[in-house]
Amino acid sequence: MSSTATEVISPRIVLTTTVPREFVHRATFAEVLLTAWRKTAEDSFTVTAQWPRSHSFYTSEHDLYDPMLLAETIRQTFPLLLHAAYDVPFGHQLSWSDFQLTLNPQAMRIGCTPADIELRVRCHDIRYQRGLPTALSMHLEVLRDGAPVAVATTRFGCHSPKVYKRLRPGRDNVAEVFAGAPKPPPPTDCRRVGRIRAQDVVLSPAPAADRWQLRLDTSHPVLFDHAVDHAPGMLLLEAVRQAATALDRGPEPCILTALDITFHRYVEFSSPCWVDAEAVPPISGGARSRTRVTGSQDGECVFTASGDITPL
């Protein structure tokens, strides 16, 4: 190179990818939303994610991202941090205890490019046994381009295969339990519950008003991404959202802006699970309606929840 030549220095290219699918308990690469994580302090972490502008199940309505896409993003942080940050071996099972989410609908707008999301996670009330977490709580702040999107809190347990076998006797063969799930009942009208496709409806009509049978369609490629021995938590969150949408009955476009759920028992494939909903006075600012939702199976309460619907 001559002394008069100008050397061109290419800008450094930063390559990004998703975290390993095993870390978020997904079988399909396309369903992995998280891209990276780092520790920021003791029991505190930053996790990054990216949302596609469209999704086969978490569909976009009114140019807004689906709140359930946000919930799934948060859910993926549980196994990621347990495996990557707390050295929990693969094969351990997570059990959801409760989940609370409040979001800003204006921050859910879809832009010209996929949304880059940052989750600031603080883990607390951690219970250990033999050096591994057996239960912990999380407080999460969700940001997009530095602006707040949502706040969430949750608690869940973590069980070794031996402990999980004691908790779930007779269900050792997950593939067999999964394959033996009965055919789901027909879906309720998808328009009533805010869905576009009938196959995405998780509620089936029941004789009583504002009551449905939970639809456990194990062929659904997103809700049942892999074989499990009970109804996934995300399916129950979707049931709450659909029930709240059905009871809202407002004329204007709307979005779920708050969700609060407590899981009391596993929802099994072996018998019907009934979902009952009732309207209660809204308590969050701007919400048009609040719905209290209860799930029951074999005479036992399996979950209690509430969902707030806000007009756009």
C-alpha atoms as a PDB file:
ATOM      1  CA  MET A   1       0.000   0.000   0.000  1.00  0.00           C
ATOM      2  CA  SER A   2       1.398   3.369  -0.987  1.00  0.00           C
ATOM      3  CA  SER A   3       1.960   6.062   1.595  1.00  0.00           C
ATOM      4  CA  THR A   4      -0.788   8.152  -0.014  1.00  0.00           C
ATOM      5  CA  ALA A   5      -3.394   5.428  -0.018  1.00  0.00           C
ATOM      6  CA  THR A   6      -6.225   5.595   2.464  1.00  0.00           C
ATOM      7  CA  GLU A   7      -6.865   2.452   4.476  1.00  0.00           C
ATOM      8  CA  VAL A   8     -10.559   1.590   4.718  1.00  0.00           C
ATOM      9  CA  ILE A   9     -11.499   0.069   8.057  1.00  0.00           C
ATOM     10  CA  SER A  10     -14.766  -1.856   7.956  1.00  0.00           C
ATOM     11  CA  PRO A  11     -17.079  -1.301  10.911  1.00  0.00           C
ATOM     12  CA  ARG A  12     -17.188  -4.173  13.378  1.00  0.00           C
ATOM     13  CA  ILE A  13     -20.134  -6.413  12.670  1.00  0.00           C
ATOM     14  CA  VAL A  14     -21.956  -7.620  15.774  1.00  0.00           C
ATOM     15  CA  LEU A  15     -23.586 -10.982  15.174  1.00  0.00           C
ATOM     16  CA  THR A  16     -26.614 -11.909  17.258  1.00  0.00           C
ATOM     17  CA  THR A  17     -28.546 -15.122  17.670  1.00  0.00           C
ATOM     18  CA  THR A  18     -31.040 -16.649  20.026  1.00  0.00           C
ATOM     19  CA  VAL A  19     -30.153 -18.506  23.181  1.00  0.00           C
ATOM     20  CA  PRO A  20     -30.155 -22.325  22.866  1.00  0.00           C
ATOM     21  CA  ARG A  21     -33.696 -23.652  22.618  1.00  0.00           C
ATOM     22  CA  GLU A  22     -32.990 -26.128  25.436  1.00  0.00           C
ATOM     23  CA  PHE A  23     -32.477 -23.177  27.800  1.00  0.00           C
ATOM     24  CA  VAL A  24     -36.059 -21.963  27.300  1.00  0.00           C
ATOM     25  CA  HIS A  25     -37.725 -25.384  27.095  1.00  0.00           C
ATOM     26  CA  ARG A  26     -38.825 -25.060  23.476  1.00  0.00           C
ATOM     27  CA  ALA A  27     -38.473 -27.661  20.741  1.00  0.00           C
ATOM     28  CA  THR A  28     -38.818 -25.299  17.785  1.00  0.00           C
ATOM     29  CA  PHE A  29     -36.040 -22.825  16.995  1.00  0.00           C
ATOM     30  CA  ALA A  30     -38.565 -20.313  15.641  1.00  0.00           C
ATOM     31  CA  GLU A  31     -40.306 -20.120  19.034  1.00  0.00           C
ATOM     32  CA  VAL A  32     -37.178 -18.962  20.902  1.00  0.00           C
ATOM     33  CA  LEU A  33     -37.566 -15.241  21.647  1.00  0.00           C
ATOM     34  CA  LEU A  34     -34.574 -14.581  23.911  1.00  0.00           C
ATOM     35  CA  THR A  35     -31.260 -13.516  22.386  1.00  0.00           C
ATOM     36  CA  ALA A  36     -28.775 -13.079  25.268  1.00  0.00           C
ATOM     37  CA  TRP A  37     -28.336 -12.604  29.009  1.00  0.00           C
ATOM     38  CA  ARG A  38     -25.777 -11.186  31.422  1.00  0.00           C
ATOM     39  CA  LYS A  39     -25.425 -10.863  35.161  1.00  0.00           C
ATOM     40  CA  THR A  40     -25.581  -7.290  36.438  1.00  0.00           C
ATOM     41  CA  ALA A  41     -25.433  -7.857  40.218  1.00  0.00           C
ATOM     42  CA  GLU A  42     -26.004 -10.612  42.730  1.00  0.00           C
ATOM     43  CA  ASP A  43     -29.236 -12.346  41.644  1.00  0.00           C
ATOM     44  CA  SER A  44     -29.874  -9.601  39.066  1.00  0.00           C
ATOM     45  CA  PHE A  45     -29.693  -9.992  35.303  1.00  0.00           C
ATOM     46  CA  THR A  46     -30.399  -8.330  31.989  1.00  0.00           C
ATOM     47  CA  VAL A  47     -32.018 -10.520  29.342  1.00  0.00           C
ATOM     48  CA  THR A  48     -32.588  -9.408  25.756  1.00  0.00           C
ATOM     49  CA  ALA A  49     -35.235 -10.591  23.317  1.00  0.00           C
ATOM     50  CA  GLN A  50     -36.577  -9.835  19.871  1.00  0.00           C
ATOM     51  CA  TRP A  51     -40.204  -9.899  18.767  1.00  0.00           C
ATOM     52  CA  PRO A  52     -41.070 -10.692  15.139  1.00  0.00           C
ATOM     53  CA  ARG A  53     -43.487  -8.341  13.447  1.00  0.00           C
ATOM     54  CA  SER A  54     -45.870 -11.241  12.934  1.00  0.00           C
ATOM     55  CA  HIS A  55     -46.360 -14.607  14.579  1.00  0.00           C
ATOM     56  CA  SER A  56     -48.488 -17.633  13.728  1.00  0.00           C
ATOM     57  CA  PHE A  57     -50.198 -17.763  17.141  1.00  0.00           C
ATOM     58  CA  TYR A  58     -49.362 -14.496  18.950  1.00  0.00           C
ATOM     59  CA  THR A  59     -51.161 -12.562  16.255  1.00  0.00           C
ATOM     60  CA  SER A  60     -50.959  -8.796  15.813  1.00  0.00           C
ATOM     61  CA  GLU A  61     -54.202  -6.846  16.096  1.00  0.00           C
ATOM     62  CA  HIS A  62     -54.649  -3.093  15.522  1.00  0.00           C
ATOM     63  CA  ASP A  63     -50.887  -2.746  14.844  1.00  0.00           C
ATOM     64  CA  LEU A  64     -50.098  -3.913  18.392  1.00  0.00           C
ATOM     65  CA  TYR A  65     -48.046  -6.840  19.611  1.00  0.00           C
ATOM     66  CA  ASP A  66     -49.991  -9.555  21.404  1.00  0.00           C
ATOM     67  CA  PRO A  67     -49.712  -9.307  25.213  1.00  0.00           C
ATOM     68  CA  MET A  68     -49.313 -13.108  25.292  1.00  0.00           C
ATOM     69  CA  LEU A  69     -46.104 -12.692  23.260  1.00  0.00           C
ATOM     70  CA  LEU A  70     -44.849 -10.556  26.131  1.00  0.00           C
ATOM     71  CA  ALA A  71     -45.970 -13.186  28.651  1.00  0.00           C
ATOM     72  CA  GLU A  72     -44.165 -15.936  26.714  1.00  0.00           C
ATOM     73  CA  THR A  73     -41.020 -13.791  26.571  1.00  0.00           C
ATOM     74  CA  ILE A  74     -41.114 -13.473  30.355  1.00  0.00           C
ATOM     75  CA  ARG A  75     -41.829 -17.190  30.779  1.00  0.00           C
ATOM     76  CA  GLN A  76     -38.727 -18.060  28.774  1.00  0.00           C
ATOM     77  CA  THR A  77     -36.546 -16.175  31.257  1.00  0.00           C
ATOM     78  CA  PHE A  78     -37.411 -18.696  34.013  1.00  0.00           C
ATOM     79  CA  PRO A  79     -35.638 -21.733  32.567  1.00  0.00           C
ATOM     80  CA  LEU A  80     -32.941 -19.625  30.890  1.00  0.00           C
ATOM     81  CA  LEU A  81     -31.679 -18.129  34.137  1.00  0.00           C
ATOM     82  CA  LEU A  82     -32.126 -21.328  36.138  1.00  0.00           C
ATOM     83  CA  HIS A  83     -30.002 -23.303  33.679  1.00  0.00           C
ATOM     84  CA  ALA A  84     -27.509 -20.631  32.611  1.00  0.00           C
ATOM     85  CA  ALA A  85     -27.087 -18.584  35.796  1.00  0.00           C
ATOM     86  CA  TYR A  86     -27.948 -21.011  38.602  1.00  0.00           C
ATOM     87  CA  ASP A  87     -26.568 -24.230  37.027  1.00  0.00           C
ATOM     88  CA  VAL A  88     -29.807 -26.200  37.295  1.00  0.00           C
ATOM     89  CA  PRO A  89     -29.347 -29.382  35.196  1.00  0.00           C
ATOM     90  CA  PHE A  90     -31.579 -30.183  32.247  1.00  0.00           C
ATOM     91  CA  GLY A  91     -34.380 -32.538  33.197  1.00  0.00           C
ATOM     92  CA  HIS A  92     -35.533 -30.490  36.181  1.00  0.00           C
ATOM     93  CA  GLN A  93     -39.190 -29.445  35.982  1.00  0.00           C
ATOM     94  CA  LEU A  94     -40.595 -25.992  36.681  1.00  0.00           C
ATOM     95  CA  SER A  95     -43.965 -25.456  38.359  1.00  0.00           C
ATOM     96  CA  TRP A  96     -45.593 -22.038  38.122  1.00  0.00           C
ATOM     97  CA  SER A  97     -47.032 -20.663  41.384  1.00  0.00           C
ATOM     98  CA  ASP A  98     -48.282 -17.218  40.344  1.00  0.00           C
ATOM     99  CA  PHE A  99     -47.804 -14.518  37.729  1.00  0.00           C
ATOM    100  CA  GLN A 100     -48.762 -10.822  37.622  1.00  0.00           C
ATOM    101  CA  LEU A 101     -48.362  -8.594  34.571  1.00  0.00           C
ATOM    102  CA  THR A 102     -49.231  -4.956  33.858  1.00  0.00           C
ATOM    103  CA  LEU A 103     -48.375  -3.407  30.490  1.00  0.00           C
ATOM    104  CA  ASN A 104     -48.491  -0.082  28.670  1.00  0.00           C
ATOM    105  CA  PRO A 105     -50.514  -0.643  25.471  1.00  0.00           C
ATOM    106  CA  GLN A 106     -48.843   2.254  23.642  1.00  0.00           C
ATOM    107  CA  ALA A 107     -45.463   0.527  24.065  1.00  0.00           C
ATOM    108  CA  MET A 108     -46.824  -2.499  22.187  1.00  0.00           C
ATOM    109  CA  ARG A 109     -47.003  -0.694  18.837  1.00  0.00           C
ATOM    110  CA  ILE A 110     -45.477  -2.587  15.912  1.00  0.00           C
ATOM    111  CA  GLY A 111     -42.754  -0.662  14.096  1.00  0.00           C
ATOM    112  CA  CYS A 112     -40.975  -1.011  10.781  1.00  0.00           C
ATOM    113  CA  THR A 113     -38.483  -3.513  12.207  1.00  0.00           C
ATOM    114  CA  PRO A 114     -38.683  -6.297  14.805  1.00  0.00           C
ATOM    115  CA  ALA A 115     -38.844  -5.004  18.368  1.00  0.00           C
ATOM    116  CA  ASP A 116     -35.722  -5.345  20.515  1.00  0.00           C
ATOM    117  CA  ILE A 117     -36.739  -5.965  24.118  1.00  0.00           C
ATOM    118  CA  GLU A 118     -34.757  -5.711  27.346  1.00  0.00           C
ATOM    119  CA  LEU A 119     -35.817  -7.452  30.550  1.00  0.00           C
ATOM    120  CA  ARG A 120     -34.266  -6.375  33.833  1.00  0.00           C
ATOM    121  CA  VAL A 121     -34.694  -9.278  36.204  1.00  0.00           C
ATOM    122  CA  ARG A 122     -34.208  -9.407  39.965  1.00  0.00           C
ATOM    123  CA  CYS A 123     -34.461 -12.809  41.644  1.00  0.00           C
ATOM    124  CA  HIS A 124     -35.351 -12.944  45.343  1.00  0.00           C
ATOM    125  CA  ASP A 125     -36.791 -15.196  48.046  1.00  0.00           C
ATOM    126  CA  ILE A 126     -34.685 -18.024  46.658  1.00  0.00           C
ATOM    127  CA  ARG A 127     -34.937 -21.359  48.425  1.00  0.00           C
ATOM    128  CA  TYR A 128     -31.993 -23.715  47.936  1.00  0.00           C
ATOM    129  CA  GLN A 129     -31.441 -27.411  48.492  1.00  0.00           C
ATOM    130  CA  ARG A 130     -28.027 -28.982  47.948  1.00  0.00           C
ATOM    131  CA  GLY A 131     -26.829 -25.821  46.243  1.00  0.00           C
ATOM    132  CA  LEU A 132     -29.629 -25.624  43.664  1.00  0.00           C
ATOM    133  CA  PRO A 133     -32.744 -23.407  43.686  1.00  0.00           C
ATOM    134  CA  THR A 134     -35.973 -25.239  44.475  1.00  0.00           C
ATOM    135  CA  ALA A 135     -38.148 -22.101  44.404  1.00  0.00           C
ATOM    136  CA  LEU A 136     -37.654 -18.445  43.592  1.00  0.00           C
ATOM    137  CA  SER A 137     -39.462 -15.221  42.848  1.00  0.00           C
ATOM    138  CA  MET A 138     -38.722 -12.735  40.073  1.00  0.00           C
ATOM    139  CA  HIS A 139     -39.432  -9.061  39.579  1.00  0.00           C
ATOM    140  CA  LEU A 140     -39.118  -7.999  35.944  1.00  0.00           C
ATOM    141  CA  GLU A 141     -39.076  -4.611  34.246  1.00  0.00           C
ATOM    142  CA  VAL A 142     -39.550  -4.813  30.487  1.00  0.00           C
ATOM    143  CA  LEU A 143     -38.131  -2.044  28.287  1.00  0.00           C
ATOM    144  CA  ARG A 144     -38.175  -1.240  24.593  1.00  0.00           C
ATOM    145  CA  ASP A 145     -35.650   1.303  23.338  1.00  0.00           C
ATOM    146  CA  GLY A 146     -35.211   2.349  26.948  1.00  0.00           C
ATOM    147  CA  ALA A 147     -38.909   3.085  27.466  1.00  0.00           C
ATOM    148  CA  PRO A 148     -41.029   1.025  29.899  1.00  0.00           C
ATOM    149  CA  VAL A 149     -43.275  -1.640  28.396  1.00  0.00           C
ATOM    150  CA  ALA A 150     -44.408  -3.702  31.378  1.00  0.00           C
ATOM    151  CA  VAL A 151     -43.793  -4.789  34.935  1.00  0.00           C
ATOM    152  CA  ALA A 152     -44.203  -8.400  36.040  1.00  0.00           C
ATOM    153  CA  THR A 153     -43.749 -10.487  39.170  1.00  0.00           C
ATOM    154  CA  THR A 154     -43.819 -14.243  39.473  1.00  0.00           C
ATOM    155  CA  ARG A 155     -42.858 -17.242  41.586  1.00  0.00           C
ATOM    156  CA  PHE A 156     -42.195 -20.811  40.578  1.00  0.00           C
ATOM    157  CA  GLY A 157     -40.695 -24.027  41.866  1.00  0.00           C
ATOM    158  CA  CYS A 158     -37.944 -26.168  40.397  1.00  0.00           C
ATOM    159  CA  HIS A 159     -38.036 -29.948  40.920  1.00  0.00           C
ATOM    160  CA  SER A 160     -35.466 -32.632  40.267  1.00  0.00           C
ATOM    161  CA  PRO A 161     -36.667 -35.676  38.274  1.00  0.00           C
ATOM    162  CA  LYS A 162     -36.848 -37.669  41.515  1.00  0.00           C
ATOM    163  CA  VAL A 163     -38.962 -35.055  43.286  1.00  0.00           C
ATOM    164  CA  TYR A 164     -41.178 -34.506  40.253  1.00  0.00           C
ATOM    165  CA  LYS A 165     -41.831 -38.246  40.057  1.00  0.00           C
ATOM    166  CA  ARG A 166     -43.096 -38.139  43.649  1.00  0.00           C
ATOM    167  CA  LEU A 167     -45.282 -35.112  42.854  1.00  0.00           C
ATOM    168  CA  ARG A 168     -46.703 -36.706  39.710  1.00  0.00           C
ATOM    169  CA  PRO A 169     -47.076 -40.446  40.423  1.00  0.00           C
ATOM    170  CA  GLY A 170     -48.118 -42.601  37.494  1.00  0.00           C
ATOM    171  CA  ARG A 171     -46.988 -40.068  34.901  1.00  0.00           C
ATOM    172  CA  ASP A 172     -43.399 -41.207  34.397  1.00  0.00           C
ATOM    173  CA  ASN A 173     -43.933 -41.852  30.698  1.00  0.00           C
ATOM    174  CA  VAL A 174     -44.647 -38.324  29.472  1.00  0.00           C
ATOM    175  CA  ALA A 175     -44.958 -39.387  25.833  1.00  0.00           C
ATOM    176  CA  GLU A 176     -47.591 -41.960  26.795  1.00  0.00           C
ATOM    177  CA  VAL A 177     -49.572 -39.481  28.910  1.00  0.00           C
ATOM    178  CA  PHE A 178     -49.376 -36.912  26.113  1.00  0.00           C
ATOM    179  CA  ALA A 179     -50.454 -39.390  23.450  1.00  0.00           C
ATOM    180  CA  GLY A 180     -53.372 -40.514  25.622  1.00  0.00           C
ATOM    181  CA  ALA A 181     -54.901 -37.031  25.882  1.00  0.00           C
ATOM    182  CA  PRO A 182     -58.520 -37.134  24.642  1.00  0.00           C
ATOM    183  CA  LYS A 183     -59.635 -35.336  21.521  1.00  0.00           C
ATOM    184  CA  PRO A 184     -60.503 -31.707  22.364  1.00  0.00           C
ATOM    185  CA  PRO A 185     -64.125 -30.510  22.228  1.00  0.00           C
ATOM    186  CA  PRO A 186     -65.138 -28.077  19.476  1.00  0.00           C
ATOM    187  CA  PRO A 187     -64.069 -24.449  19.945  1.00  0.00           C
ATOM    188  CA  THR A 188     -66.365 -21.601  20.837  1.00  0.00           C
ATOM    189  CA  ASP A 189     -66.881 -18.831  18.275  1.00  0.00           C
ATOM    190  CA  CYS A 190     -63.396 -17.438  17.668  1.00  0.00           C
ATOM    191  CA  ARG A 191     -64.753 -13.905  17.177  1.00  0.00           C
ATOM    192  CA  ARG A 192     -66.222 -13.862  20.688  1.00  0.00           C
ATOM    193  CA  VAL A 193     -62.861 -14.611  22.308  1.00  0.00           C
ATOM    194  CA  GLY A 194     -60.778 -12.341  20.086  1.00  0.00           C
ATOM    195  CA  ARG A 195     -59.108 -14.958  17.907  1.00  0.00           C
ATOM    196  CA  ILE A 196     -58.931 -15.140  14.127  1.00  0.00           C
ATOM    197  CA  ARG A 197     -58.563 -18.908  13.695  1.00  0.00           C
ATOM    198  CA  ALA A 198     -60.707 -21.576  15.342  1.00  0.00           C
ATOM    199  CA  GLN A 199     -57.651 -23.756  16.037  1.00  0.00           C
ATOM    200  CA  ASP A 200     -56.273 -21.040  18.338  1.00  0.00           C
ATOM    201  CA  VAL A 201     -59.357 -21.022  20.588  1.00  0.00           C
ATOM    202  CA  VAL A 202     -58.768 -22.694  23.969  1.00  0.00           C
ATOM    203  CA  LEU A 203     -62.380 -22.504  25.207  1.00  0.00           C
ATOM    204  CA  SER A 204     -65.288 -24.765  24.251  1.00  0.00           C
ATOM    205  CA  PRO A 205     -68.965 -23.877  24.783  1.00  0.00           C
ATOM    206  CA  ALA A 206     -70.768 -25.106  27.912  1.00  0.00           C
ATOM    207  CA  PRO A 207     -74.503 -25.015  28.729  1.00  0.00           C
ATOM    208  CA  ALA A 208     -74.153 -22.327  31.409  1.00  0.00           C
ATOM    209  CA  ALA A 209     -73.551 -18.697  30.458  1.00  0.00           C
ATOM    210  CA  ASP A 210     -69.990 -17.447  30.902  1.00  0.00           C
ATOM    211  CA  ARG A 211     -68.702 -20.997  31.417  1.00  0.00           C
ATOM    212  CA  TRP A 212     -66.502 -22.971  29.045  1.00  0.00           C
ATOM    213  CA  GLN A 213     -64.642 -26.235  28.921  1.00  0.00           C
ATOM    214  CA  LEU A 214     -60.906 -25.807  28.519  1.00  0.00           C
ATOM    215  CA  ARG A 215     -59.725 -27.075  25.105  1.00  0.00           C
ATOM    216  CA  LEU A 216     -56.491 -29.047  25.352  1.00  0.00           C
ATOM    217  CA  ASP A 217     -55.591 -29.492  21.701  1.00  0.00           C
ATOM    218  CA  THR A 218     -52.267 -31.315  21.934  1.00  0.00           C
ATOM    219  CA  SER A 219     -51.776 -30.955  18.175  1.00  0.00           C
ATOM    220  CA  HIS A 220     -51.381 -27.173  18.491  1.00  0.00           C
ATOM    221  CA  PRO A 221     -47.823 -26.419  17.325  1.00  0.00           C
ATOM    222  CA  VAL A 222     -47.198 -23.471  19.670  1.00  0.00           C
ATOM    223  CA  LEU A 223     -49.154 -24.173  22.844  1.00  0.00           C
ATOM    224  CA  PHE A 224     -47.943 -27.791  22.734  1.00  0.00           C
ATOM    225  CA  ASP A 225     -44.481 -27.288  21.276  1.00  0.00           C
ATOM    226  CA  HIS A 226     -43.365 -30.585  22.857  1.00  0.00           C
ATOM    227  CA  ALA A 227     -44.833 -33.461  24.858  1.00  0.00           C
ATOM    228  CA  VAL A 228     -45.923 -32.597  28.413  1.00  0.00           C
ATOM    229  CA  ASP A 229     -47.943 -34.403  31.092  1.00  0.00           C
ATOM    230  CA  HIS A 230     -50.346 -31.540  31.928  1.00  0.00           C
ATOM    231  CA  ALA A 231     -51.803 -28.346  30.489  1.00  0.00           C
ATOM    232  CA  PRO A 232     -49.047 -25.727  29.988  1.00  0.00           C
ATOM    233  CA  GLY A 233     -49.211 -22.503  31.982  1.00  0.00           C
ATOM    234  CA  MET A 234     -49.254 -20.392  28.832  1.00  0.00           C
ATOM    235  CA  LEU A 235     -52.412 -22.161  27.698  1.00  0.00           C
ATOM    236  CA  LEU A 236     -54.082 -21.213  30.981  1.00  0.00           C
ATOM    237  CA  LEU A 237     -53.001 -17.585  30.530  1.00  0.00           C
ATOM    238  CA  GLU A 238     -54.529 -17.659  27.063  1.00  0.00           C
ATOM    239  CA  ALA A 239     -57.752 -19.062  28.537  1.00  0.00           C
ATOM    240  CA  VAL A 240     -57.913 -16.118  30.947  1.00  0.00           C
ATOM    241  CA  ARG A 241     -57.335 -13.647  28.125  1.00  0.00           C
ATOM    242  CA  GLN A 242     -60.029 -15.258  25.958  1.00  0.00           C
ATOM    243  CA  ALA A 243     -62.541 -15.362  28.821  1.00  0.00           C
ATOM    244  CA  ALA A 244     -61.869 -11.705  29.653  1.00  0.00           C
ATOM    245  CA  THR A 245     -62.310 -10.763  25.995  1.00  0.00           C
ATOM    246  CA  ALA A 246     -65.593 -12.686  25.809  1.00  0.00           C
ATOM    247  CA  LEU A 247     -67.048 -10.900  28.823  1.00  0.00           C
ATOM    248  CA  ASP A 248     -65.839  -7.427  27.837  1.00  0.00           C
ATOM    249  CA  ARG A 249     -68.261  -7.067  24.915  1.00  0.00           C
ATOM    250  CA  GLY A 250     -67.206  -3.468  24.282  1.00  0.00           C
ATOM    251  CA  PRO A 251     -67.614  -2.022  20.764  1.00  0.00           C
ATOM    252  CA  GLU A 252     -64.140  -0.471  20.466  1.00  0.00           C
ATOM    253  CA  PRO A 253     -60.873  -2.326  19.793  1.00  0.00           C
ATOM    254  CA  CYS A 254     -59.228  -3.384  23.028  1.00  0.00           C
ATOM    255  CA  ILE A 255     -56.187  -5.079  24.534  1.00  0.00           C
ATOM    256  CA  LEU A 256     -55.428  -7.037  27.694  1.00  0.00           C
ATOM    257  CA  THR A 257     -53.436  -4.673  29.942  1.00  0.00           C
ATOM    258  CA  ALA A 258     -53.262  -6.571  33.236  1.00  0.00           C
ATOM    259  CA  LEU A 259     -53.279 -10.215  34.237  1.00  0.00           C
ATOM    260  CA  ASP A 260     -53.019 -11.852  37.643  1.00  0.00           C
ATOM    261  CA  ILE A 261     -53.104 -15.628  38.015  1.00  0.00           C
ATOM    262  CA  THR A 262     -52.443 -18.127  40.800  1.00  0.00           C
ATOM    263  CA  PHE A 263     -51.926 -21.781  39.924  1.00  0.00           C
ATOM    264  CA  HIS A 264     -53.277 -24.123  42.604  1.00  0.00           C
ATOM    265  CA  ARG A 265     -53.012 -27.553  40.956  1.00  0.00           C
ATOM    266  CA  TYR A 266     -51.857 -29.139  37.715  1.00  0.00           C
ATOM    267  CA  VAL A 267     -54.530 -29.274  35.007  1.00  0.00           C
ATOM    268  CA  GLU A 268     -54.668 -32.883  33.815  1.00  0.00           C
ATOM    269  CA  PHE A 269     -55.615 -34.314  30.434  1.00  0.00           C
ATOM    270  CA  SER A 270     -57.754 -37.043  31.976  1.00  0.00           C
ATOM    271  CA  SER A 271     -60.925 -35.085  32.839  1.00  0.00           C
ATOM    272  CA  PRO A 272     -62.673 -31.848  31.778  1.00  0.00           C
ATOM    273  CA  CYS A 273     -61.467 -28.547  33.191  1.00  0.00           C
ATOM    274  CA  TRP A 274     -64.191 -25.912  33.521  1.00  0.00           C
ATOM    275  CA  VAL A 275     -63.510 -22.197  33.132  1.00  0.00           C
ATOM    276  CA  ASP A 276     -65.952 -19.825  34.822  1.00  0.00           C
ATOM    277  CA  ALA A 277     -65.856 -16.047  34.396  1.00  0.00           C
ATOM    278  CA  GLU A 278     -67.629 -13.120  36.006  1.00  0.00           C
ATOM    279  CA  ALA A 279     -67.353  -9.379  35.518  1.00  0.00           C
ATOM    280  CA  VAL A 280     -66.073  -7.390  38.503  1.00  0.00           C
ATOM    281  CA  PRO A 281     -65.378  -3.642  38.860  1.00  0.00           C
ATOM    282  CA  PRO A 282     -62.074  -2.609  37.213  1.00  0.00           C
ATOM    283  CA  ILE A 283     -59.441  -1.207  39.531  1.00  0.00           C
ATOM    284  CA  SER A 284     -56.565  -0.353  37.163  1.00  0.00           C
ATOM    285  CA  GLY A 285     -56.473   3.069  35.544  1.00  0.00           C
ATOM    286  CA  GLY A 286     -57.959   3.207  32.061  1.00  0.00           C
ATOM    287  CA  ALA A 287     -59.348  -0.335  32.101  1.00  0.00           C
ATOM    288  CA  ARG A 288     -62.833  -0.752  30.675  1.00  0.00           C
ATOM    289  CA  SER A 289     -63.536  -4.081  32.319  1.00  0.00           C
ATOM    290  CA  ARG A 290     -62.104  -6.644  34.704  1.00  0.00           C
ATOM    291  CA  THR A 291     -62.977 -10.334  34.624  1.00  0.00           C
ATOM    292  CA  ARG A 292     -62.473 -12.832  37.419  1.00  0.00           C
ATOM    293  CA  VAL A 293     -61.734 -16.285  36.046  1.00  0.00           C
ATOM    294  CA  THR A 294     -61.712 -19.603  37.901  1.00  0.00           C
ATOM    295  CA  GLY A 295     -60.627 -23.005  36.627  1.00  0.00           C
ATOM    296  CA  SER A 296     -61.908 -26.199  38.238  1.00  0.00           C
ATOM    297  CA  GLN A 297     -61.346 -29.885  37.588  1.00  0.00           C
ATOM    298  CA  ASP A 298     -62.811 -32.902  39.389  1.00  0.00           C
ATOM    299  CA  GLY A 299     -64.355 -30.567  41.948  1.00  0.00           C
ATOM    300  CA  GLU A 300     -61.035 -28.896  42.789  1.00  0.00           C
ATOM    301  CA  CYS A 301     -59.970 -25.310  42.041  1.00  0.00           C
ATOM    302  CA  VAL A 302     -56.956 -25.465  39.718  1.00  0.00           C
ATOM    303  CA  PHE A 303     -56.382 -21.751  39.085  1.00  0.00           C
ATOM    304  CA  THR A 304     -57.820 -18.343  39.938  1.00  0.00           C
ATOM    305  CA  ALA A 305     -57.142 -15.256  37.862  1.00  0.00           C
ATOM    306  CA  SER A 306     -58.264 -11.837  36.709  1.00  0.00           C
ATOM    307  CA  GLY A 307     -57.752  -9.970  33.470  1.00  0.00           C
ATOM    308  CA  ASP A 308     -58.204  -6.272  32.625  1.00  0.00           C
ATOM    309  CA  ILE A 309     -59.318  -5.120  29.182  1.00  0.00           C
ATOM    310  CA  THR A 310     -58.496  -1.566  28.062  1.00  0.00           C
ATOM    311  CA  PRO A 311     -59.876   0.191  24.948  1.00  0.00           C
ATOM    312  CA  LEU A 312     -57.355   1.522  22.446  1.00  0.00           C
END
